[in-house]
């Protein structure tokens, strides 16, 4: 049997319970921080995309842009000049996958591509150029009816509300109107971030939160131990007193000191011992 004087009733149980409670609370806090920050990160991404789109749209030589009409016009100096400007912006922000312009048509929600900065290339290095790696041709049709923010970009800067998917992949895009010298909107400019950029932001946030949680684990365990030891103190005192009574000290009394719980234990214990003592005296008197 364990030595009663070294035994701390419920202390290990309380330590485990408190540690698990602190851990669960910590994880809930981390989850809340994660969801709050992912929303903020996405809003920041939207604002960045809109600003880049506005800057890129303002950097287009619109007169030259409007000369690009047919597929063969991608070989003109006008096309090359605009692509060079787009590439300079992409070099300055490696998160940008592509910058492009779309010209509205008479059909609602239907556009045609004009200039795209990303060239046709085996960007994923798998040895083949698939559909997602082909630069859209001048005049290629694009159905934007499923992308309301793109259509909104004809009138004001806008950004996707969530990741969108088309034949080129998964993206979050920002848009801005392209205007000629008279202020007439002639196209919408789009800036794409790959969905992998968003995933990378989320992964970095998760790693940061996990690092914080792991760093706090020893402190949570220490706090749980200290609090459990404090909470278990009345049980320890009561256990030792009960041990003394069980070994013949029927006059054992606990001082009514400490917190409310300690005083309650003392009063109950003292009353019980008095009852035991009275019963023993009555039995002795009968003899």
C-alpha atoms as a PDB file:
ATOM      1  CA  UNK A   1       0.000   0.000   0.000  1.00  0.00           C
ATOM      2  CA  UNK A   2       1.305   3.487  -0.873  1.00  0.00           C
ATOM      3  CA  UNK A   3       2.605   5.566   2.016  1.00  0.00           C
ATOM      4  CA  UNK A   4      -0.257   7.910   2.936  1.00  0.00           C
ATOM      5  CA  UNK A   5       2.138  10.691   3.920  1.00  0.00           C
ATOM      6  CA  UNK A   6       3.617  10.836   0.418  1.00  0.00           C
ATOM      7  CA  UNK A   7       0.333  10.207  -1.339  1.00  0.00           C
ATOM      8  CA  UNK A   8      -1.403  13.185  -2.937  1.00  0.00           C
ATOM      9  CA  UNK A   9      -5.035  12.245  -3.622  1.00  0.00           C
ATOM     10  CA  UNK A  10      -6.336  13.337  -7.043  1.00  0.00           C
ATOM     11  CA  UNK A  11      -3.222  15.378  -7.807  1.00  0.00           C
ATOM     12  CA  UNK A  12      -2.184  13.309 -10.804  1.00  0.00           C
ATOM     13  CA  UNK A  13      -5.763  13.130 -12.008  1.00  0.00           C
ATOM     14  CA  UNK A  14      -6.192  16.879 -11.598  1.00  0.00           C
ATOM     15  CA  UNK A  15      -2.893  17.568 -13.356  1.00  0.00           C
ATOM     16  CA  UNK A  16      -3.934  15.476 -16.365  1.00  0.00           C
ATOM     17  CA  UNK A  17      -7.432  16.948 -16.416  1.00  0.00           C
ATOM     18  CA  UNK A  18      -6.182  20.519 -16.184  1.00  0.00           C
ATOM     19  CA  UNK A  19      -3.456  19.959 -18.773  1.00  0.00           C
ATOM     20  CA  UNK A  20      -5.968  18.479 -21.230  1.00  0.00           C
ATOM     21  CA  UNK A  21      -8.340  21.362 -20.527  1.00  0.00           C
ATOM     22  CA  UNK A  22      -5.608  23.924 -21.153  1.00  0.00           C
ATOM     23  CA  UNK A  23      -4.567  22.037 -24.280  1.00  0.00           C
ATOM     24  CA  UNK A  24      -8.097  21.949 -25.698  1.00  0.00           C
ATOM     25  CA  UNK A  25      -8.594  25.636 -24.923  1.00  0.00           C
ATOM     26  CA  UNK A  26      -5.245  26.417 -26.550  1.00  0.00           C
ATOM     27  CA  UNK A  27      -6.188  24.472 -29.685  1.00  0.00           C
ATOM     28  CA  UNK A  28      -9.551  26.225 -29.853  1.00  0.00           C
ATOM     29  CA  UNK A  29      -7.801  29.581 -29.548  1.00  0.00           C
ATOM     30  CA  UNK A  30      -5.343  28.564 -32.281  1.00  0.00           C
ATOM     31  CA  UNK A  31      -8.216  27.471 -34.537  1.00  0.00           C
ATOM     32  CA  UNK A  32      -9.966  30.793 -33.955  1.00  0.00           C
ATOM     33  CA  UNK A  33      -6.764  32.694 -34.715  1.00  0.00           C
ATOM     34  CA  UNK A  34      -6.267  30.559 -37.844  1.00  0.00           C
ATOM     35  CA  UNK A  35      -9.720  31.221 -39.287  1.00  0.00           C
ATOM     36  CA  UNK A  36      -9.560  34.913 -38.380  1.00  0.00           C
ATOM     37  CA  UNK A  37      -6.128  35.348 -39.966  1.00  0.00           C
ATOM     38  CA  UNK A  38      -6.959  33.347 -43.097  1.00  0.00           C
ATOM     39  CA  UNK A  39      -9.851  35.722 -43.728  1.00  0.00           C
ATOM     40  CA  UNK A  40      -7.572  38.713 -43.176  1.00  0.00           C
ATOM     41  CA  UNK A  41      -4.872  37.233 -45.412  1.00  0.00           C
ATOM     42  CA  UNK A  42      -7.414  36.674 -48.168  1.00  0.00           C
ATOM     43  CA  UNK A  43      -8.692  40.242 -47.860  1.00  0.00           C
ATOM     44  CA  UNK A  44      -5.112  41.523 -48.035  1.00  0.00           C
ATOM     45  CA  UNK A  45      -4.536  39.361 -51.114  1.00  0.00           C
ATOM     46  CA  UNK A  46      -7.668  40.782 -52.734  1.00  0.00           C
ATOM     47  CA  UNK A  47      -6.531  44.340 -52.060  1.00  0.00           C
ATOM     48  CA  UNK A  48      -3.050  43.589 -53.397  1.00  0.00           C
ATOM     49  CA  UNK A  49      -4.473  42.062 -56.575  1.00  0.00           C
ATOM     50  CA  UNK A  50      -6.782  45.015 -57.140  1.00  0.00           C
ATOM     51  CA  UNK A  51      -3.917  47.482 -56.669  1.00  0.00           C
ATOM     52  CA  UNK A  52      -1.625  45.551 -59.022  1.00  0.00           C
ATOM     53  CA  UNK A  53      -4.432  45.386 -61.593  1.00  0.00           C
ATOM     54  CA  UNK A  54      -5.011  49.147 -61.356  1.00  0.00           C
ATOM     55  CA  UNK A  55      -1.286  49.853 -61.753  1.00  0.00           C
ATOM     56  CA  UNK A  56      -0.944  47.459 -64.685  1.00  0.00           C
ATOM     57  CA  UNK A  57      -4.031  48.845 -66.410  1.00  0.00           C
ATOM     58  CA  UNK A  58      -2.654  52.365 -66.084  1.00  0.00           C
ATOM     59  CA  UNK A  59       0.640  51.234 -67.607  1.00  0.00           C
ATOM     60  CA  UNK A  60      -0.856  49.991 -70.876  1.00  0.00           C
ATOM     61  CA  UNK A  61      -0.365  52.027 -74.074  1.00  0.00           C
ATOM     62  CA  UNK A  62      -4.054  51.807 -74.931  1.00  0.00           C
ATOM     63  CA  UNK A  63      -3.725  53.036 -78.526  1.00  0.00           C
ATOM     64  CA  UNK A  64      -1.266  50.216 -79.255  1.00  0.00           C
ATOM     65  CA  UNK A  65      -3.419  47.757 -77.305  1.00  0.00           C
ATOM     66  CA  UNK A  66      -6.424  48.513 -79.518  1.00  0.00           C
ATOM     67  CA  UNK A  67      -4.444  47.600 -82.656  1.00  0.00           C
ATOM     68  CA  UNK A  68      -4.214  43.996 -81.386  1.00  0.00           C
ATOM     69  CA  UNK A  69      -7.233  42.238 -82.846  1.00  0.00           C
ATOM     70  CA  UNK A  70      -6.334  39.006 -84.629  1.00  0.00           C
ATOM     71  CA  UNK A  71      -4.255  35.963 -83.674  1.00  0.00           C
ATOM     72  CA  UNK A  72      -1.390  37.118 -85.902  1.00  0.00           C
ATOM     73  CA  UNK A  73      -1.121  40.383 -83.968  1.00  0.00           C
ATOM     74  CA  UNK A  74       0.768  38.575 -81.192  1.00  0.00           C
ATOM     75  CA  UNK A  75       3.836  38.975 -83.397  1.00  0.00           C
ATOM     76  CA  UNK A  76       3.614  42.765 -83.535  1.00  0.00           C
ATOM     77  CA  UNK A  77       5.760  45.279 -81.688  1.00  0.00           C
ATOM     78  CA  UNK A  78       2.671  46.541 -79.877  1.00  0.00           C
ATOM     79  CA  UNK A  79       1.999  43.088 -78.438  1.00  0.00           C
ATOM     80  CA  UNK A  80       5.650  42.583 -77.477  1.00  0.00           C
ATOM     81  CA  UNK A  81       5.820  45.963 -75.753  1.00  0.00           C
ATOM     82  CA  UNK A  82       2.784  45.261 -73.579  1.00  0.00           C
ATOM     83  CA  UNK A  83       4.046  41.766 -72.742  1.00  0.00           C
ATOM     84  CA  UNK A  84       7.369  43.292 -71.702  1.00  0.00           C
ATOM     85  CA  UNK A  85       5.553  45.631 -69.322  1.00  0.00           C
ATOM     86  CA  UNK A  86       3.528  42.766 -67.878  1.00  0.00           C
ATOM     87  CA  UNK A  87       6.652  40.648 -67.419  1.00  0.00           C
ATOM     88  CA  UNK A  88       8.409  43.488 -65.594  1.00  0.00           C
ATOM     89  CA  UNK A  89       5.527  43.604 -63.122  1.00  0.00           C
ATOM     90  CA  UNK A  90       5.565  39.805 -62.732  1.00  0.00           C
ATOM     91  CA  UNK A  91       9.304  39.891 -62.079  1.00  0.00           C
ATOM     92  CA  UNK A  92       8.668  42.445 -59.339  1.00  0.00           C
ATOM     93  CA  UNK A  93       6.034  40.237 -57.698  1.00  0.00           C
ATOM     94  CA  UNK A  94       6.897  36.528 -58.068  1.00  0.00           C
ATOM     95  CA  UNK A  95       3.467  35.549 -56.723  1.00  0.00           C
ATOM     96  CA  UNK A  96       1.842  36.777 -59.932  1.00  0.00           C
ATOM     97  CA  UNK A  97       1.268  33.918 -62.343  1.00  0.00           C
ATOM     98  CA  UNK A  98      -0.079  35.971 -65.224  1.00  0.00           C
ATOM     99  CA  UNK A  99      -1.322  39.393 -66.299  1.00  0.00           C
ATOM    100  CA  UNK A 100      -3.674  39.629 -69.269  1.00  0.00           C
ATOM    101  CA  UNK A 101      -6.353  41.743 -70.893  1.00  0.00           C
ATOM    102  CA  UNK A 102      -9.820  40.743 -72.034  1.00  0.00           C
ATOM    103  CA  UNK A 103     -11.978  42.687 -74.478  1.00  0.00           C
ATOM    104  CA  UNK A 104     -15.734  42.616 -73.926  1.00  0.00           C
ATOM    105  CA  UNK A 105     -17.970  41.458 -76.770  1.00  0.00           C
ATOM    106  CA  UNK A 106     -21.582  42.216 -77.586  1.00  0.00           C
ATOM    107  CA  UNK A 107     -22.604  39.013 -75.790  1.00  0.00           C
ATOM    108  CA  UNK A 108     -23.186  39.416 -72.050  1.00  0.00           C
ATOM    109  CA  UNK A 109     -20.339  37.919 -70.023  1.00  0.00           C
ATOM    110  CA  UNK A 110     -18.331  36.872 -73.084  1.00  0.00           C
ATOM    111  CA  UNK A 111     -14.834  38.290 -73.604  1.00  0.00           C
ATOM    112  CA  UNK A 112     -11.959  37.724 -75.983  1.00  0.00           C
ATOM    113  CA  UNK A 113      -8.308  37.648 -74.981  1.00  0.00           C
ATOM    114  CA  UNK A 114      -6.029  40.421 -76.177  1.00  0.00           C
ATOM    115  CA  UNK A 115      -2.598  40.274 -74.464  1.00  0.00           C
ATOM    116  CA  UNK A 116      -1.300  37.691 -71.970  1.00  0.00           C
ATOM    117  CA  UNK A 117       2.065  37.991 -70.260  1.00  0.00           C
ATOM    118  CA  UNK A 118       2.653  34.310 -69.586  1.00  0.00           C
ATOM    119  CA  UNK A 119       4.199  32.602 -72.619  1.00  0.00           C
ATOM    120  CA  UNK A 120       3.439  29.070 -73.756  1.00  0.00           C
ATOM    121  CA  UNK A 121       5.936  26.880 -71.900  1.00  0.00           C
ATOM    122  CA  UNK A 122       6.355  23.669 -69.908  1.00  0.00           C
ATOM    123  CA  UNK A 123       6.107  25.500 -66.603  1.00  0.00           C
ATOM    124  CA  UNK A 124       5.583  22.381 -64.460  1.00  0.00           C
ATOM    125  CA  UNK A 125       8.581  20.621 -66.005  1.00  0.00           C
ATOM    126  CA  UNK A 126       6.773  17.382 -66.891  1.00  0.00           C
ATOM    127  CA  UNK A 127       8.195  17.311 -70.418  1.00  0.00           C
ATOM    128  CA  UNK A 128       4.970  18.282 -72.183  1.00  0.00           C
ATOM    129  CA  UNK A 129       3.067  21.499 -72.723  1.00  0.00           C
ATOM    130  CA  UNK A 130      -0.508  20.819 -71.700  1.00  0.00           C
ATOM    131  CA  UNK A 131      -3.594  22.958 -72.136  1.00  0.00           C
ATOM    132  CA  UNK A 132      -3.049  24.858 -68.906  1.00  0.00           C
ATOM    133  CA  UNK A 133       0.402  25.995 -70.098  1.00  0.00           C
ATOM    134  CA  UNK A 134      -0.683  27.414 -73.458  1.00  0.00           C
ATOM    135  CA  UNK A 135      -0.895  31.197 -73.755  1.00  0.00           C
ATOM    136  CA  UNK A 136      -4.418  32.219 -74.826  1.00  0.00           C
ATOM    137  CA  UNK A 137      -4.494  33.396 -78.413  1.00  0.00           C
ATOM    138  CA  UNK A 138      -5.576  36.882 -79.392  1.00  0.00           C
ATOM    139  CA  UNK A 139      -9.317  36.686 -79.997  1.00  0.00           C
ATOM    140  CA  UNK A 140      -9.775  33.454 -78.026  1.00  0.00           C
ATOM    141  CA  UNK A 141     -13.208  33.471 -76.393  1.00  0.00           C
ATOM    142  CA  UNK A 142     -13.559  33.458 -72.604  1.00  0.00           C
ATOM    143  CA  UNK A 143     -16.897  32.876 -70.910  1.00  0.00           C
ATOM    144  CA  UNK A 144     -16.880  34.943 -67.709  1.00  0.00           C
ATOM    145  CA  UNK A 145     -20.499  34.438 -66.705  1.00  0.00           C
ATOM    146  CA  UNK A 146     -19.357  32.298 -63.762  1.00  0.00           C
ATOM    147  CA  UNK A 147     -16.888  34.989 -62.683  1.00  0.00           C
ATOM    148  CA  UNK A 148     -18.941  38.032 -61.647  1.00  0.00           C
ATOM    149  CA  UNK A 149     -15.924  39.925 -60.270  1.00  0.00           C
ATOM    150  CA  UNK A 150     -14.259  39.803 -63.677  1.00  0.00           C
ATOM    151  CA  UNK A 151     -17.344  41.416 -65.233  1.00  0.00           C
ATOM    152  CA  UNK A 152     -17.406  43.916 -62.359  1.00  0.00           C
ATOM    153  CA  UNK A 153     -13.795  44.770 -63.254  1.00  0.00           C
ATOM    154  CA  UNK A 154     -15.049  46.575 -66.352  1.00  0.00           C
ATOM    155  CA  UNK A 155     -16.418  49.352 -64.163  1.00  0.00           C
ATOM    156  CA  UNK A 156     -14.213  49.322 -61.043  1.00  0.00           C
ATOM    157  CA  UNK A 157     -11.314  47.425 -59.448  1.00  0.00           C
ATOM    158  CA  UNK A 158     -12.490  44.033 -58.169  1.00  0.00           C
ATOM    159  CA  UNK A 159     -11.145  40.720 -56.914  1.00  0.00           C
ATOM    160  CA  UNK A 160     -12.490  37.180 -56.713  1.00  0.00           C
ATOM    161  CA  UNK A 161     -14.378  36.274 -53.551  1.00  0.00           C
ATOM    162  CA  UNK A 162     -12.845  32.786 -53.557  1.00  0.00           C
ATOM    163  CA  UNK A 163     -10.598  30.536 -55.617  1.00  0.00           C
ATOM    164  CA  UNK A 164     -11.911  30.177 -59.172  1.00  0.00           C
ATOM    165  CA  UNK A 165     -11.206  27.392 -61.657  1.00  0.00           C
ATOM    166  CA  UNK A 166     -10.849  27.465 -65.422  1.00  0.00           C
ATOM    167  CA  UNK A 167      -8.979  25.371 -67.971  1.00  0.00           C
ATOM    168  CA  UNK A 168      -5.685  27.019 -66.989  1.00  0.00           C
ATOM    169  CA  UNK A 169      -5.947  26.047 -63.318  1.00  0.00           C
ATOM    170  CA  UNK A 170      -7.142  27.418 -59.982  1.00  0.00           C
ATOM    171  CA  UNK A 171      -6.740  31.117 -59.245  1.00  0.00           C
ATOM    172  CA  UNK A 172      -7.563  34.151 -57.196  1.00  0.00           C
ATOM    173  CA  UNK A 173      -7.621  37.129 -59.524  1.00  0.00           C
ATOM    174  CA  UNK A 174      -7.844  40.887 -59.390  1.00  0.00           C
ATOM    175  CA  UNK A 175      -9.343  43.042 -62.134  1.00  0.00           C
ATOM    176  CA  UNK A 176      -9.338  46.683 -63.254  1.00  0.00           C
ATOM    177  CA  UNK A 177     -10.809  48.523 -66.233  1.00  0.00           C
ATOM    178  CA  UNK A 178      -8.580  49.585 -69.111  1.00  0.00           C
ATOM    179  CA  UNK A 179      -9.641  52.991 -70.434  1.00  0.00           C
ATOM    180  CA  UNK A 180      -8.678  54.947 -73.524  1.00  0.00           C
ATOM    181  CA  UNK A 181      -7.839  58.649 -73.613  1.00  0.00           C
ATOM    182  CA  UNK A 182     -11.525  59.583 -73.617  1.00  0.00           C
ATOM    183  CA  UNK A 183     -12.251  57.502 -70.517  1.00  0.00           C
ATOM    184  CA  UNK A 184     -14.063  54.788 -72.424  1.00  0.00           C
ATOM    185  CA  UNK A 185     -13.515  51.254 -71.060  1.00  0.00           C
ATOM    186  CA  UNK A 186     -12.030  49.131 -73.821  1.00  0.00           C
ATOM    187  CA  UNK A 187     -10.931  46.069 -71.832  1.00  0.00           C
ATOM    188  CA  UNK A 188     -10.532  44.564 -68.404  1.00  0.00           C
ATOM    189  CA  UNK A 189      -7.106  43.662 -67.063  1.00  0.00           C
ATOM    190  CA  UNK A 190      -6.701  40.552 -64.926  1.00  0.00           C
ATOM    191  CA  UNK A 191      -3.948  39.566 -62.497  1.00  0.00           C
ATOM    192  CA  UNK A 192      -3.744  35.940 -61.373  1.00  0.00           C
ATOM    193  CA  UNK A 193      -2.373  34.434 -58.186  1.00  0.00           C
ATOM    194  CA  UNK A 194      -2.268  30.658 -58.282  1.00  0.00           C
ATOM    195  CA  UNK A 195      -4.366  28.943 -55.606  1.00  0.00           C
ATOM    196  CA  UNK A 196      -1.036  27.479 -54.463  1.00  0.00           C
ATOM    197  CA  UNK A 197      -0.125  30.971 -53.186  1.00  0.00           C
ATOM    198  CA  UNK A 198      -3.185  30.945 -50.912  1.00  0.00           C
ATOM    199  CA  UNK A 199      -2.401  27.394 -49.803  1.00  0.00           C
ATOM    200  CA  UNK A 200       1.164  28.456 -49.012  1.00  0.00           C
ATOM    201  CA  UNK A 201      -0.089  31.346 -46.870  1.00  0.00           C
ATOM    202  CA  UNK A 202      -2.355  28.966 -44.957  1.00  0.00           C
ATOM    203  CA  UNK A 203       0.451  26.466 -44.474  1.00  0.00           C
ATOM    204  CA  UNK A 204       2.784  29.141 -43.120  1.00  0.00           C
ATOM    205  CA  UNK A 205       0.090  30.246 -40.671  1.00  0.00           C
ATOM    206  CA  UNK A 206      -0.528  26.671 -39.507  1.00  0.00           C
ATOM    207  CA  UNK A 207       3.195  26.109 -38.989  1.00  0.00           C
ATOM    208  CA  UNK A 208       3.477  29.331 -36.961  1.00  0.00           C
ATOM    209  CA  UNK A 209       0.536  28.401 -34.742  1.00  0.00           C
ATOM    210  CA  UNK A 210       1.838  24.853 -34.220  1.00  0.00           C
ATOM    211  CA  UNK A 211       5.232  26.241 -33.226  1.00  0.00           C
ATOM    212  CA  UNK A 212       3.579  28.506 -30.664  1.00  0.00           C
ATOM    213  CA  UNK A 213       1.457  25.622 -29.329  1.00  0.00           C
ATOM    214  CA  UNK A 214       4.463  23.310 -29.008  1.00  0.00           C
ATOM    215  CA  UNK A 215       6.456  26.038 -27.257  1.00  0.00           C
ATOM    216  CA  UNK A 216       3.649  26.550 -24.744  1.00  0.00           C
ATOM    217  CA  UNK A 217       3.155  22.850 -23.936  1.00  0.00           C
ATOM    218  CA  UNK A 218       5.788  22.659 -21.146  1.00  0.00           C
ATOM    219  CA  UNK A 219       4.404  25.835 -19.575  1.00  0.00           C
ATOM    220  CA  UNK A 220       0.858  24.483 -19.717  1.00  0.00           C
ATOM    221  CA  UNK A 221       2.013  21.280 -18.023  1.00  0.00           C
ATOM    222  CA  UNK A 222       3.828  23.257 -15.313  1.00  0.00           C
ATOM    223  CA  UNK A 223       0.796  25.464 -14.681  1.00  0.00           C
ATOM    224  CA  UNK A 224      -1.472  22.409 -14.559  1.00  0.00           C
ATOM    225  CA  UNK A 225       0.855  20.761 -12.014  1.00  0.00           C
ATOM    226  CA  UNK A 226       0.998  23.870  -9.792  1.00  0.00           C
ATOM    227  CA  UNK A 227      -2.767  24.431  -9.895  1.00  0.00           C
ATOM    228  CA  UNK A 228      -3.476  20.729  -9.292  1.00  0.00           C
ATOM    229  CA  UNK A 229      -1.126  20.687  -6.319  1.00  0.00           C
ATOM    230  CA  UNK A 230      -2.899  23.686  -4.823  1.00  0.00           C
ATOM    231  CA  UNK A 231      -6.346  22.190  -5.440  1.00  0.00           C
ATOM    232  CA  UNK A 232      -5.321  18.787  -4.066  1.00  0.00           C
ATOM    233  CA  UNK A 233      -3.973  20.211  -0.800  1.00  0.00           C
ATOM    234  CA  UNK A 234      -7.289  19.840   1.145  1.00  0.00           C
ATOM    235  CA  UNK A 235      -7.588  16.226  -0.026  1.00  0.00           C
ATOM    236  CA  UNK A 236      -4.021  15.560   1.118  1.00  0.00           C
ATOM    237  CA  UNK A 237      -4.692  16.994   4.589  1.00  0.00           C
ATOM    238  CA  UNK A 238      -7.948  15.059   4.878  1.00  0.00           C
ATOM    239  CA  UNK A 239      -6.334  11.809   3.774  1.00  0.00           C
ATOM    240  CA  UNK A 240      -3.585  12.096   6.395  1.00  0.00           C
ATOM    241  CA  UNK A 241      -6.120  12.902   9.143  1.00  0.00           C
ATOM    242  CA  UNK A 242      -8.266   9.930   8.145  1.00  0.00           C
ATOM    243  CA  UNK A 243      -5.169   7.758   8.236  1.00  0.00           C
ATOM    244  CA  UNK A 244      -4.474   8.913  11.819  1.00  0.00           C
ATOM    245  CA  UNK A 245      -8.064   8.207  12.900  1.00  0.00           C
ATOM    246  CA  UNK A 246      -7.950   4.769  11.296  1.00  0.00           C
ATOM    247  CA  UNK A 247      -4.854   4.039  13.389  1.00  0.00           C
ATOM    248  CA  UNK A 248      -6.469   4.956  16.717  1.00  0.00           C
ATOM    249  CA  UNK A 249      -6.285   8.723  17.052  1.00  0.00           C
ATOM    250  CA  UNK A 250     -10.026   9.269  17.598  1.00  0.00           C
ATOM    251  CA  UNK A 251      -9.465  12.743  18.962  1.00  0.00           C
ATOM    252  CA  UNK A 252      -7.897  13.998  15.762  1.00  0.00           C
ATOM    253  CA  UNK A 253      -9.171  17.442  14.766  1.00  0.00           C
ATOM    254  CA  UNK A 254      -8.473  19.630  11.761  1.00  0.00           C
ATOM    255  CA  UNK A 255      -8.113  23.384  12.197  1.00  0.00           C
ATOM    256  CA  UNK A 256     -10.772  25.338  10.223  1.00  0.00           C
ATOM    257  CA  UNK A 257      -8.174  27.228   8.202  1.00  0.00           C
ATOM    258  CA  UNK A 258      -7.640  28.002   4.539  1.00  0.00           C
ATOM    259  CA  UNK A 259     -10.241  28.516   1.852  1.00  0.00           C
ATOM    260  CA  UNK A 260     -13.903  27.657   1.901  1.00  0.00           C
ATOM    261  CA  UNK A 261     -13.382  24.109   0.656  1.00  0.00           C
ATOM    262  CA  UNK A 262     -10.719  23.478   3.315  1.00  0.00           C
ATOM    263  CA  UNK A 263     -13.027  24.749   6.087  1.00  0.00           C
ATOM    264  CA  UNK A 264     -15.890  22.561   4.835  1.00  0.00           C
ATOM    265  CA  UNK A 265     -13.628  19.497   4.848  1.00  0.00           C
ATOM    266  CA  UNK A 266     -12.417  20.355   8.360  1.00  0.00           C
ATOM    267  CA  UNK A 267     -15.937  20.796   9.743  1.00  0.00           C
ATOM    268  CA  UNK A 268     -17.202  17.561   8.198  1.00  0.00           C
ATOM    269  CA  UNK A 269     -14.152  15.630   9.337  1.00  0.00           C
ATOM    270  CA  UNK A 270     -14.263  17.021  12.868  1.00  0.00           C
ATOM    271  CA  UNK A 271     -17.954  16.214  13.147  1.00  0.00           C
ATOM    272  CA  UNK A 272     -17.356  12.685  11.924  1.00  0.00           C
ATOM    273  CA  UNK A 273     -14.510  12.138  14.408  1.00  0.00           C
ATOM    274  CA  UNK A 274     -16.659  13.460  17.267  1.00  0.00           C
ATOM    275  CA  UNK A 275     -19.411  11.034  16.323  1.00  0.00           C
ATOM    276  CA  UNK A 276     -16.907   8.168  16.244  1.00  0.00           C
ATOM    277  CA  UNK A 277     -15.520   9.242  19.625  1.00  0.00           C
ATOM    278  CA  UNK A 278     -19.002   9.503  21.155  1.00  0.00           C
ATOM    279  CA  UNK A 279     -19.940   6.096  19.803  1.00  0.00           C
ATOM    280  CA  UNK A 280     -16.751   4.569  21.217  1.00  0.00           C
ATOM    281  CA  UNK A 281     -17.325   6.147  24.648  1.00  0.00           C
ATOM    282  CA  UNK A 282     -20.914   4.891  24.717  1.00  0.00           C
ATOM    283  CA  UNK A 283     -19.727   1.409  23.841  1.00  0.00           C
ATOM    284  CA  UNK A 284     -17.070   1.553  26.584  1.00  0.00           C
ATOM    285  CA  UNK A 285     -19.657   2.713  29.116  1.00  0.00           C
ATOM    286  CA  UNK A 286     -21.939  -0.197  28.262  1.00  0.00           C
ATOM    287  CA  UNK A 287     -19.112  -2.535  29.020  1.00  0.00           C
END
